[in-house]
């Protein structure tokens, strides 16, 4: 028999395992977000974890394309690669020959492909939400992973700004339910495009907006600041000065007086209906670097923790057209679950009850009491109460330690006396109180209390 090579267990960089208690906390986040999505009329869909590479490339800008995870073709993936390109070691040219698929970078581009393929089966405006993992070959860091979950809500087939208002309300409501103190920043890509044009910046708009979008990570001034990087793209000192004044030294009311009525009207319409929310503000420095945004854009930042954005989104007008479908405007937002989790963990915002999985554990002394306990267990489970019996022969203290380690709040102890009398020892693990109860009485203790009538 061949010797089995032993390897040290490890994870790929930028990924994480989750223990049961961590999964419970993540599900709390997912369930909170889902409940608000459904409240606003969104329906859940799903798509494959990977797409054709041609579906993904060219949608996120040059930087986004570099961060795509490509999947090598099955079998001899080099057989169709031209020899000259292999010799030249031109990786970008070779990629199209050896990789036809890629892991999805976000949930928005797959949605656009989905809508075009299924448009005859959908009702428009199509309000969908999608929760699933995405992958980016980014450098791992605090709150930044190469595999992470997104929770997206999008409306396809409607240009109404009521959608922007409702999506802002969704952001505000979800973070409020999670107990998080955040700022929801708003801007409009039309506004961005207009002030760059006025500054005479036309050739390098994408590069400049991408740089400004990094202002939360890099200072504006300084030797390696954003301003110097913008100048390196051919922007003059005069243009840079005008750009700086617009971003930092001009109030929104002053900006409104100089920009086109159509752009100002969009921002005013949305802000007039969500501006009363304490955590919403207009921010001209918000760019959202993805190329496909064309209208209102969002970004959410925590106020009391050093962390990147917790979510973002915006209006996009031509993604479905890229897939050969009729041009349908879309708008959507995304929640960054990994960062939300990290912030809530750091601030201890998760309910303590999430740790519980099993509500009651049956423990025993021998085979006879184990069999008896198993029969009583069925009666408890028949009432949809999470319960289990300790399997096998172990000393009672070992079984009790099992309950403590799993944070099981109640234990039922069964021995010869309990089997003879039908009165089982019911122990509250938090305070040590013990009572002799029948199985029916135990079930009544374990059932959740009925909800109180409204108004009481």
Protein backbone atom coordinates (compact mmCIF):
# COMPACT_ATOMS: atom_id res chain seq x y z
CA UNK A 1 0.00 0.00 0.00
CA UNK A 2 1.40 3.39 -0.98
CA UNK A 3 2.35 5.68 1.86
CA UNK A 4 -0.12 8.51 2.36
CA UNK A 5 1.59 11.87 2.18
CA UNK A 6 0.68 13.98 5.17
CA UNK A 7 0.02 17.66 4.58
CA UNK A 8 -0.54 20.47 7.02
CA UNK A 9 -4.19 21.62 6.88
CA UNK A 10 -4.46 25.22 5.73
CA UNK A 11 -6.84 27.55 3.89
CA UNK A 12 -6.21 29.50 0.69
CA UNK A 13 -5.44 33.13 1.48
CA UNK A 14 -8.43 35.40 1.71
CA UNK A 15 -10.85 32.65 2.80
CA UNK A 16 -12.28 31.56 6.16
CA UNK A 17 -13.85 28.59 7.93
CA UNK A 18 -16.88 29.23 10.14
CA UNK A 19 -17.62 27.45 13.41
CA UNK A 20 -21.27 26.62 14.27
CA UNK A 21 -21.67 29.70 16.47
CA UNK A 22 -20.24 31.87 13.68
CA UNK A 23 -22.65 30.37 11.15
CA UNK A 24 -25.51 31.16 13.54
CA UNK A 25 -24.41 34.80 13.64
CA UNK A 26 -24.06 34.98 9.86
CA UNK A 27 -27.52 33.48 9.43
CA UNK A 28 -28.85 36.17 11.77
CA UNK A 29 -27.46 38.79 9.36
CA UNK A 30 -28.82 36.95 6.29
CA UNK A 31 -32.27 36.50 7.86
CA UNK A 32 -32.46 40.17 8.88
CA UNK A 33 -31.57 41.33 5.37
CA UNK A 34 -33.95 38.82 3.72
CA UNK A 35 -36.86 39.92 5.90
CA UNK A 36 -36.44 43.55 4.82
CA UNK A 37 -35.96 42.62 1.14
CA UNK A 38 -39.21 40.62 1.17
CA UNK A 39 -41.01 43.41 3.02
CA UNK A 40 -40.28 45.69 0.03
CA UNK A 41 -41.51 43.13 -2.53
CA UNK A 42 -38.21 41.57 -3.69
CA UNK A 43 -38.07 37.89 -4.71
CA UNK A 44 -35.04 35.63 -4.31
CA UNK A 45 -33.15 34.08 -7.25
CA UNK A 46 -29.89 32.16 -7.66
CA UNK A 47 -27.29 31.77 -10.44
CA UNK A 48 -24.17 29.57 -10.92
CA UNK A 49 -21.01 30.39 -8.96
CA UNK A 50 -19.15 30.74 -12.26
CA UNK A 51 -20.01 32.32 -15.60
CA UNK A 52 -18.53 32.34 -19.08
CA UNK A 53 -15.46 34.59 -18.93
CA UNK A 54 -16.80 36.72 -21.81
CA UNK A 55 -19.85 37.45 -19.63
CA UNK A 56 -17.65 38.88 -16.88
CA UNK A 57 -14.82 40.69 -18.66
CA UNK A 58 -15.16 44.31 -19.72
CA UNK A 59 -17.88 45.08 -17.15
CA UNK A 60 -15.79 46.18 -14.16
CA UNK A 61 -13.03 48.25 -15.72
CA UNK A 62 -9.40 47.31 -16.19
CA UNK A 63 -8.76 46.89 -12.46
CA UNK A 64 -11.81 44.68 -12.03
CA UNK A 65 -10.78 42.45 -14.93
CA UNK A 66 -7.41 41.88 -13.26
CA UNK A 67 -9.15 40.70 -10.11
CA UNK A 68 -11.28 38.06 -11.83
CA UNK A 69 -10.56 34.45 -10.86
CA UNK A 70 -10.24 32.47 -14.09
CA UNK A 71 -10.98 28.72 -14.28
CA UNK A 72 -8.67 26.58 -16.41
CA UNK A 73 -10.41 24.53 -19.10
CA UNK A 74 -10.85 20.84 -18.33
CA UNK A 75 -8.33 18.33 -19.67
CA UNK A 76 -5.30 19.52 -21.60
CA UNK A 77 -5.98 23.25 -21.30
CA UNK A 78 -2.82 24.18 -23.24
CA UNK A 79 -3.68 22.22 -26.39
CA UNK A 80 -5.38 25.19 -28.13
CA UNK A 81 -2.94 27.86 -26.93
CA UNK A 82 -0.86 29.27 -29.85
CA UNK A 83 2.80 28.36 -29.50
CA UNK A 84 3.96 31.90 -30.28
CA UNK A 85 1.95 33.35 -27.40
CA UNK A 86 3.21 30.66 -25.06
CA UNK A 87 6.77 31.51 -26.05
CA UNK A 88 6.10 35.23 -25.62
CA UNK A 89 4.69 34.55 -22.13
CA UNK A 90 1.81 36.92 -22.87
CA UNK A 91 -0.55 35.87 -20.09
CA UNK A 92 -3.48 38.08 -21.13
CA UNK A 93 -3.37 36.74 -24.69
CA UNK A 94 -3.05 33.14 -23.53
CA UNK A 95 -5.94 33.39 -21.05
CA UNK A 96 -8.65 33.42 -23.73
CA UNK A 97 -7.34 30.10 -25.07
CA UNK A 98 -6.99 28.23 -21.77
CA UNK A 99 -9.89 29.63 -19.72
CA UNK A 100 -13.52 29.86 -20.84
CA UNK A 101 -15.05 30.39 -17.39
CA UNK A 102 -14.51 32.58 -14.34
CA UNK A 103 -15.84 32.83 -10.80
CA UNK A 104 -18.40 35.61 -10.49
CA UNK A 105 -16.98 38.95 -9.35
CA UNK A 106 -20.31 40.32 -8.16
CA UNK A 107 -24.03 39.50 -8.47
CA UNK A 108 -25.01 42.38 -10.78
CA UNK A 109 -23.46 41.26 -14.08
CA UNK A 110 -24.86 37.70 -13.65
CA UNK A 111 -28.24 39.33 -12.98
CA UNK A 112 -28.10 41.20 -16.29
CA UNK A 113 -27.27 37.98 -18.14
CA UNK A 114 -30.08 36.22 -16.23
CA UNK A 115 -32.65 38.88 -17.13
CA UNK A 116 -31.85 38.70 -20.86
CA UNK A 117 -32.07 34.90 -20.87
CA UNK A 118 -35.30 34.74 -18.87
CA UNK A 119 -37.05 37.98 -19.84
CA UNK A 120 -40.10 36.17 -21.26
CA UNK A 121 -40.60 34.44 -17.89
CA UNK A 122 -40.22 37.51 -15.68
CA UNK A 123 -42.60 40.25 -14.56
CA UNK A 124 -41.25 43.77 -14.99
CA UNK A 125 -40.25 45.83 -13.17
CA UNK A 126 -38.34 42.80 -11.89
CA UNK A 127 -37.47 43.14 -8.19
CA UNK A 128 -35.03 40.44 -7.18
CA UNK A 129 -32.63 39.75 -4.35
CA UNK A 130 -29.71 37.37 -4.47
CA UNK A 131 -27.46 36.15 -1.65
CA UNK A 132 -24.33 34.20 -2.50
CA UNK A 133 -20.52 34.08 -2.54
CA UNK A 134 -18.41 36.09 -4.98
CA UNK A 135 -14.65 35.97 -5.60
CA UNK A 136 -12.02 38.65 -6.21
CA UNK A 137 -8.25 38.16 -6.46
CA UNK A 138 -7.70 41.13 -4.18
CA UNK A 139 -4.99 41.49 -1.54
CA UNK A 140 -6.47 40.17 1.73
CA UNK A 141 -6.65 42.57 4.67
CA UNK A 142 -8.93 43.64 7.50
CA UNK A 143 -12.49 43.21 6.22
CA UNK A 144 -11.18 42.25 2.77
CA UNK A 145 -11.38 38.65 1.56
CA UNK A 146 -10.97 36.83 -1.74
CA UNK A 147 -14.17 34.85 -1.12
CA UNK A 148 -17.06 36.69 0.47
CA UNK A 149 -20.85 36.86 0.43
CA UNK A 150 -22.94 39.63 -1.06
CA UNK A 151 -26.62 40.34 -0.49
CA UNK A 152 -28.01 42.26 -3.45
CA UNK A 153 -31.37 43.83 -4.18
CA UNK A 154 -32.03 45.18 -7.70
CA UNK A 155 -34.91 46.56 -9.73
CA UNK A 156 -34.70 45.95 -13.49
CA UNK A 157 -36.95 47.62 -16.06
CA UNK A 158 -37.86 50.87 -14.30
CA UNK A 159 -36.32 54.35 -14.47
CA UNK A 160 -38.42 55.70 -11.57
CA UNK A 161 -36.42 57.34 -8.81
CA UNK A 162 -38.87 55.82 -6.33
CA UNK A 163 -36.62 52.77 -6.60
CA UNK A 164 -33.63 54.80 -5.39
CA UNK A 165 -35.71 56.08 -2.48
CA UNK A 166 -36.85 52.59 -1.44
CA UNK A 167 -33.34 51.14 -1.74
CA UNK A 168 -32.04 53.89 0.54
CA UNK A 169 -34.82 53.08 3.01
CA UNK A 170 -33.83 49.40 2.85
CA UNK A 171 -30.25 50.29 3.71
CA UNK A 172 -31.39 52.42 6.63
CA UNK A 173 -33.82 49.81 7.96
CA UNK A 174 -31.46 46.83 7.76
CA UNK A 175 -28.60 48.56 9.57
CA UNK A 176 -31.03 49.85 12.18
CA UNK A 177 -32.36 46.32 12.81
CA UNK A 178 -28.77 45.08 13.16
CA UNK A 179 -28.05 47.84 15.69
CA UNK A 180 -25.31 49.40 13.58
CA UNK A 181 -24.34 53.08 13.46
CA UNK A 182 -23.58 53.87 9.81
CA UNK A 183 -23.52 56.70 7.29
CA UNK A 184 -25.25 56.13 3.93
CA UNK A 185 -23.49 58.35 1.38
CA UNK A 186 -25.23 59.34 -1.88
CA UNK A 187 -24.01 60.89 -5.11
CA UNK A 188 -24.88 60.81 -8.82
CA UNK A 189 -22.55 59.68 -11.61
CA UNK A 190 -24.11 62.30 -13.92
CA UNK A 191 -23.05 64.94 -11.42
CA UNK A 192 -19.55 63.41 -11.31
CA UNK A 193 -19.32 63.33 -15.11
CA UNK A 194 -20.46 66.94 -15.35
CA UNK A 195 -17.98 68.40 -12.88
CA UNK A 196 -15.09 66.45 -14.47
CA UNK A 197 -16.11 67.83 -17.86
CA UNK A 198 -16.26 71.36 -16.44
CA UNK A 199 -12.77 70.87 -15.04
CA UNK A 200 -11.62 69.91 -18.55
CA UNK A 201 -10.93 66.29 -17.55
CA UNK A 202 -12.33 64.26 -20.43
CA UNK A 203 -9.69 61.73 -21.50
CA UNK A 204 -8.96 60.21 -18.10
CA UNK A 205 -12.37 60.25 -16.43
CA UNK A 206 -12.31 56.57 -15.45
CA UNK A 207 -8.83 56.81 -13.99
CA UNK A 208 -9.64 59.98 -12.05
CA UNK A 209 -12.93 58.68 -10.62
CA UNK A 210 -11.22 55.44 -9.58
CA UNK A 211 -8.58 57.44 -7.72
CA UNK A 212 -11.08 59.75 -6.00
CA UNK A 213 -13.03 56.64 -4.94
CA UNK A 214 -9.98 55.65 -2.85
CA UNK A 215 -10.09 58.80 -0.71
CA UNK A 216 -11.21 56.84 2.36
CA UNK A 217 -7.96 54.85 2.15
CA UNK A 218 -5.46 57.43 0.79
CA UNK A 219 -5.00 61.10 1.69
CA UNK A 220 -5.78 63.77 -0.93
CA UNK A 221 -2.50 65.65 -0.52
CA UNK A 222 1.03 64.49 0.16
CA UNK A 223 3.79 62.88 -1.88
CA UNK A 224 1.77 59.73 -2.60
CA UNK A 225 -1.65 61.31 -2.18
CA UNK A 226 -4.59 61.12 -4.58
CA UNK A 227 -3.87 64.61 -5.94
CA UNK A 228 -0.39 63.61 -7.11
CA UNK A 229 -1.71 60.42 -8.67
CA UNK A 230 -4.38 62.41 -10.54
CA UNK A 231 -1.71 64.81 -11.85
CA UNK A 232 0.26 61.78 -13.09
CA UNK A 233 -2.70 61.12 -15.42
CA UNK A 234 -2.09 64.40 -17.26
CA UNK A 235 -4.32 66.67 -15.14
CA UNK A 236 -3.00 70.24 -14.80
CA UNK A 237 -2.62 72.19 -11.54
CA UNK A 238 -5.50 74.47 -12.59
CA UNK A 239 -7.78 71.51 -13.30
CA UNK A 240 -6.76 69.88 -10.03
CA UNK A 241 -7.53 73.09 -8.13
CA UNK A 242 -11.03 73.27 -9.62
CA UNK A 243 -11.56 69.60 -8.83
CA UNK A 244 -10.41 70.08 -5.24
CA UNK A 245 -12.68 73.12 -4.75
CA UNK A 246 -15.71 71.20 -6.06
CA UNK A 247 -15.05 68.19 -3.85
CA UNK A 248 -14.13 69.87 -0.58
CA UNK A 249 -14.89 73.59 -0.51
CA UNK A 250 -18.31 73.99 -2.13
CA UNK A 251 -21.63 73.40 -0.37
CA UNK A 252 -24.37 71.43 -2.05
CA UNK A 253 -26.52 74.56 -2.36
CA UNK A 254 -23.64 76.30 -4.19
CA UNK A 255 -23.14 73.29 -6.46
CA UNK A 256 -26.85 73.24 -7.32
CA UNK A 257 -26.58 76.78 -8.67
CA UNK A 258 -23.91 75.85 -11.20
CA UNK A 259 -24.86 72.36 -12.41
CA UNK A 260 -27.50 71.31 -14.91
CA UNK A 261 -31.09 71.26 -13.75
CA UNK A 262 -31.65 67.61 -14.73
CA UNK A 263 -28.81 66.31 -12.56
CA UNK A 264 -29.71 68.49 -9.59
CA UNK A 265 -33.38 67.46 -9.91
CA UNK A 266 -32.48 63.76 -9.52
CA UNK A 267 -30.42 64.33 -6.40
CA UNK A 268 -32.99 66.72 -4.91
CA UNK A 269 -35.87 64.30 -5.58
CA UNK A 270 -34.16 61.47 -3.73
CA UNK A 271 -32.73 63.59 -0.89
CA UNK A 272 -36.06 65.30 -0.27
CA UNK A 273 -37.57 61.91 0.60
CA UNK A 274 -34.68 60.26 2.46
CA UNK A 275 -32.81 63.29 3.82
CA UNK A 276 -34.82 63.09 7.05
CA UNK A 277 -33.04 59.80 7.85
CA UNK A 278 -30.28 60.72 10.26
CA UNK A 279 -27.73 58.42 8.63
CA UNK A 280 -28.12 59.65 5.00
CA UNK A 281 -25.93 62.38 3.46
CA UNK A 282 -24.98 63.70 0.01
CA UNK A 283 -21.22 63.35 -0.66
CA UNK A 284 -19.65 64.70 -3.89
CA UNK A 285 -16.46 62.68 -3.24
CA UNK A 286 -18.33 59.37 -3.61
CA UNK A 287 -17.43 57.93 -7.02
CA UNK A 288 -18.11 54.16 -6.91
CA UNK A 289 -15.37 53.05 -9.29
CA UNK A 290 -17.26 50.44 -11.32
CA UNK A 291 -17.65 51.52 -14.94
CA UNK A 292 -21.27 50.47 -15.37
CA UNK A 293 -22.87 53.01 -12.98
CA UNK A 294 -24.73 55.82 -14.74
CA UNK A 295 -26.93 57.54 -12.12
CA UNK A 296 -27.38 57.62 -8.35
CA UNK A 297 -24.72 55.76 -6.37
CA UNK A 298 -24.51 54.67 -2.70
CA UNK A 299 -21.86 53.66 -0.21
CA UNK A 300 -22.29 52.72 3.45
CA UNK A 301 -19.56 53.27 6.05
CA UNK A 302 -19.54 52.40 9.78
CA UNK A 303 -19.24 55.40 12.09
CA UNK A 304 -17.54 53.84 15.11
CA UNK A 305 -15.20 51.18 13.69
CA UNK A 306 -12.21 51.47 11.38
CA UNK A 307 -13.49 49.50 8.41
CA UNK A 308 -14.05 49.87 4.66
CA UNK A 309 -17.48 50.19 3.09
CA UNK A 310 -20.26 47.89 4.33
CA UNK A 311 -22.24 48.16 1.11
CA UNK A 312 -22.70 50.06 -2.10
CA UNK A 313 -24.62 50.23 -5.32
CA UNK A 314 -26.08 52.44 -7.98
CA UNK A 315 -28.08 52.97 -11.16
CA UNK A 316 -26.91 51.28 -14.38
CA UNK A 317 -28.51 51.73 -17.79
CA UNK A 318 -26.89 49.49 -20.36
CA UNK A 319 -25.83 46.13 -18.92
CA UNK A 320 -28.70 44.14 -20.44
CA UNK A 321 -27.94 45.66 -23.84
CA UNK A 322 -24.43 44.20 -23.61
CA UNK A 323 -26.00 40.73 -23.64
CA UNK A 324 -28.12 41.36 -26.71
CA UNK A 325 -31.32 42.20 -24.87
CA UNK A 326 -33.36 45.36 -25.06
CA UNK A 327 -31.87 48.14 -22.96
CA UNK A 328 -33.50 48.02 -19.53
CA UNK A 329 -32.44 50.40 -16.81
CA UNK A 330 -31.53 48.84 -13.49
CA UNK A 331 -30.66 50.00 -10.00
CA UNK A 332 -29.44 48.03 -7.02
CA UNK A 333 -27.61 47.88 -3.71
CA UNK A 334 -25.36 45.31 -2.09
CA UNK A 335 -24.57 44.43 1.53
CA UNK A 336 -21.03 43.28 2.39
CA UNK A 337 -21.81 40.50 4.85
CA UNK A 338 -18.21 39.73 5.84
CA UNK A 339 -17.54 43.29 6.97
CA UNK A 340 -20.95 43.59 8.63
CA UNK A 341 -20.11 40.43 10.58
CA UNK A 342 -16.69 41.76 11.62
CA UNK A 343 -18.13 45.09 12.80
CA UNK A 344 -20.94 43.43 14.76
CA UNK A 345 -18.48 41.00 16.34
CA UNK A 346 -16.14 43.82 17.34
CA UNK A 347 -18.99 45.83 18.87
CA UNK A 348 -20.70 42.78 20.45
CA UNK A 349 -23.99 43.45 18.63
CA UNK A 350 -25.15 39.83 18.18
CA UNK A 351 -27.97 38.59 20.46
CA UNK A 352 -26.64 36.16 23.07
CA UNK A 353 -29.39 33.63 22.28
CA UNK A 354 -27.87 32.97 18.85
CA UNK A 355 -25.30 30.69 20.51
CA UNK A 356 -28.00 28.18 21.47
CA UNK A 357 -28.63 25.35 19.05
CA UNK A 358 -30.11 22.50 21.08
CA UNK A 359 -32.60 23.49 23.77
CA UNK A 360 -32.50 20.34 25.90
CA UNK A 361 -30.11 17.39 26.26
CA UNK A 362 -31.13 13.98 27.66
CA UNK A 363 -28.37 12.32 29.73
CA UNK A 364 -28.36 8.80 31.21
CA UNK A 365 -26.46 6.23 33.28
CA UNK A 366 -26.63 2.96 31.32
CA UNK A 367 -28.06 1.24 28.24
CA UNK A 368 -31.55 0.91 29.75
CA UNK A 369 -31.79 4.60 30.69
CA UNK A 370 -30.32 5.59 27.31
CA UNK A 371 -33.09 3.63 25.53
CA UNK A 372 -35.72 5.23 27.78
CA UNK A 373 -34.26 8.68 27.16
CA UNK A 374 -34.35 8.11 23.42
CA UNK A 375 -38.09 7.29 23.60
CA UNK A 376 -38.78 10.49 25.59
CA UNK A 377 -36.69 12.46 23.12
CA UNK A 378 -39.11 11.59 20.31
CA UNK A 379 -42.00 13.17 22.25
CA UNK A 380 -40.04 16.41 22.64
CA UNK A 381 -39.01 16.54 18.99
CA UNK A 382 -42.61 15.91 17.95
CA UNK A 383 -43.31 19.38 19.41
CA UNK A 384 -40.58 20.92 17.18
CA UNK A 385 -38.27 21.53 20.13
CA UNK A 386 -34.56 21.23 19.30
CA UNK A 387 -33.31 18.34 21.45
CA UNK A 388 -30.82 15.50 21.54
CA UNK A 389 -29.71 12.54 23.65
CA UNK A 390 -26.06 11.98 24.51
CA UNK A 391 -24.96 8.95 22.45
CA UNK A 392 -23.06 6.10 24.08
CA UNK A 393 -21.65 5.32 27.53
CA UNK A 394 -19.92 8.22 29.25
CA UNK A 395 -19.74 9.37 32.86
CA UNK A 396 -22.45 11.85 33.80
CA UNK A 397 -19.98 14.71 34.26
CA UNK A 398 -18.73 14.20 30.68
CA UNK A 399 -22.30 14.42 29.40
CA UNK A 400 -22.88 17.58 31.45
CA UNK A 401 -19.70 19.11 30.05
CA UNK A 402 -21.03 18.40 26.57
CA UNK A 403 -24.16 20.44 27.42
CA UNK A 404 -22.06 23.29 28.80
CA UNK A 405 -19.72 23.36 25.79
CA UNK A 406 -22.67 23.52 23.38
CA UNK A 407 -24.43 26.07 25.62
CA UNK A 408 -27.52 23.86 25.90
CA UNK A 409 -29.74 25.59 28.49
CA UNK A 410 -31.58 22.53 29.88
CA UNK A 411 -30.70 18.93 30.71
CA UNK A 412 -32.99 15.97 31.51
CA UNK A 413 -31.29 13.36 33.72
CA UNK A 414 -32.66 9.82 33.50
CA UNK A 415 -31.74 6.91 35.80
CA UNK A 416 -33.52 4.00 37.43
CA UNK A 417 -35.62 6.16 39.78
CA UNK A 418 -36.78 8.38 36.91
CA UNK A 419 -37.80 5.40 34.77
CA UNK A 420 -39.73 3.84 37.65
CA UNK A 421 -41.62 6.99 38.66
CA UNK A 422 -41.99 8.76 35.31
CA UNK A 423 -40.75 11.92 37.06
CA UNK A 424 -37.64 13.05 35.23
CA UNK A 425 -34.93 15.34 36.64
CA UNK A 426 -35.13 18.62 34.72
CA UNK A 427 -32.11 20.89 35.27
CA UNK A 428 -31.70 24.55 34.34
CA UNK A 429 -28.01 24.83 33.40
CA UNK A 430 -27.79 28.58 33.99
CA UNK A 431 -28.86 28.57 37.66
CA UNK A 432 -28.59 24.89 38.62
CA UNK A 433 -32.25 24.58 39.64
CA UNK A 434 -33.63 21.04 39.40
CA UNK A 435 -37.26 19.86 39.30
CA UNK A 436 -38.94 16.48 39.05
CA UNK A 437 -41.34 16.67 36.09
CA UNK A 438 -43.20 14.38 33.72
CA UNK A 439 -42.24 14.52 30.06
CA UNK A 440 -45.45 16.45 29.30
CA UNK A 441 -44.57 19.03 31.98
CA UNK A 442 -41.06 19.34 30.56
CA UNK A 443 -42.49 19.97 27.11
CA UNK A 444 -44.67 22.75 28.50
CA UNK A 445 -41.60 24.32 30.14
CA UNK A 446 -39.67 24.18 26.87
CA UNK A 447 -42.37 25.60 24.61
CA UNK A 448 -41.88 29.27 23.69
CA UNK A 449 -44.15 31.71 25.47
CA UNK A 450 -47.10 32.93 23.35
CA UNK A 451 -46.78 36.44 21.96
CA UNK A 452 -48.46 39.14 24.02
CA UNK A 453 -51.56 40.78 22.48
CA UNK A 454 -50.87 44.14 20.86
CA UNK A 455 -51.25 47.11 23.15
CA UNK A 456 -50.21 45.25 26.32
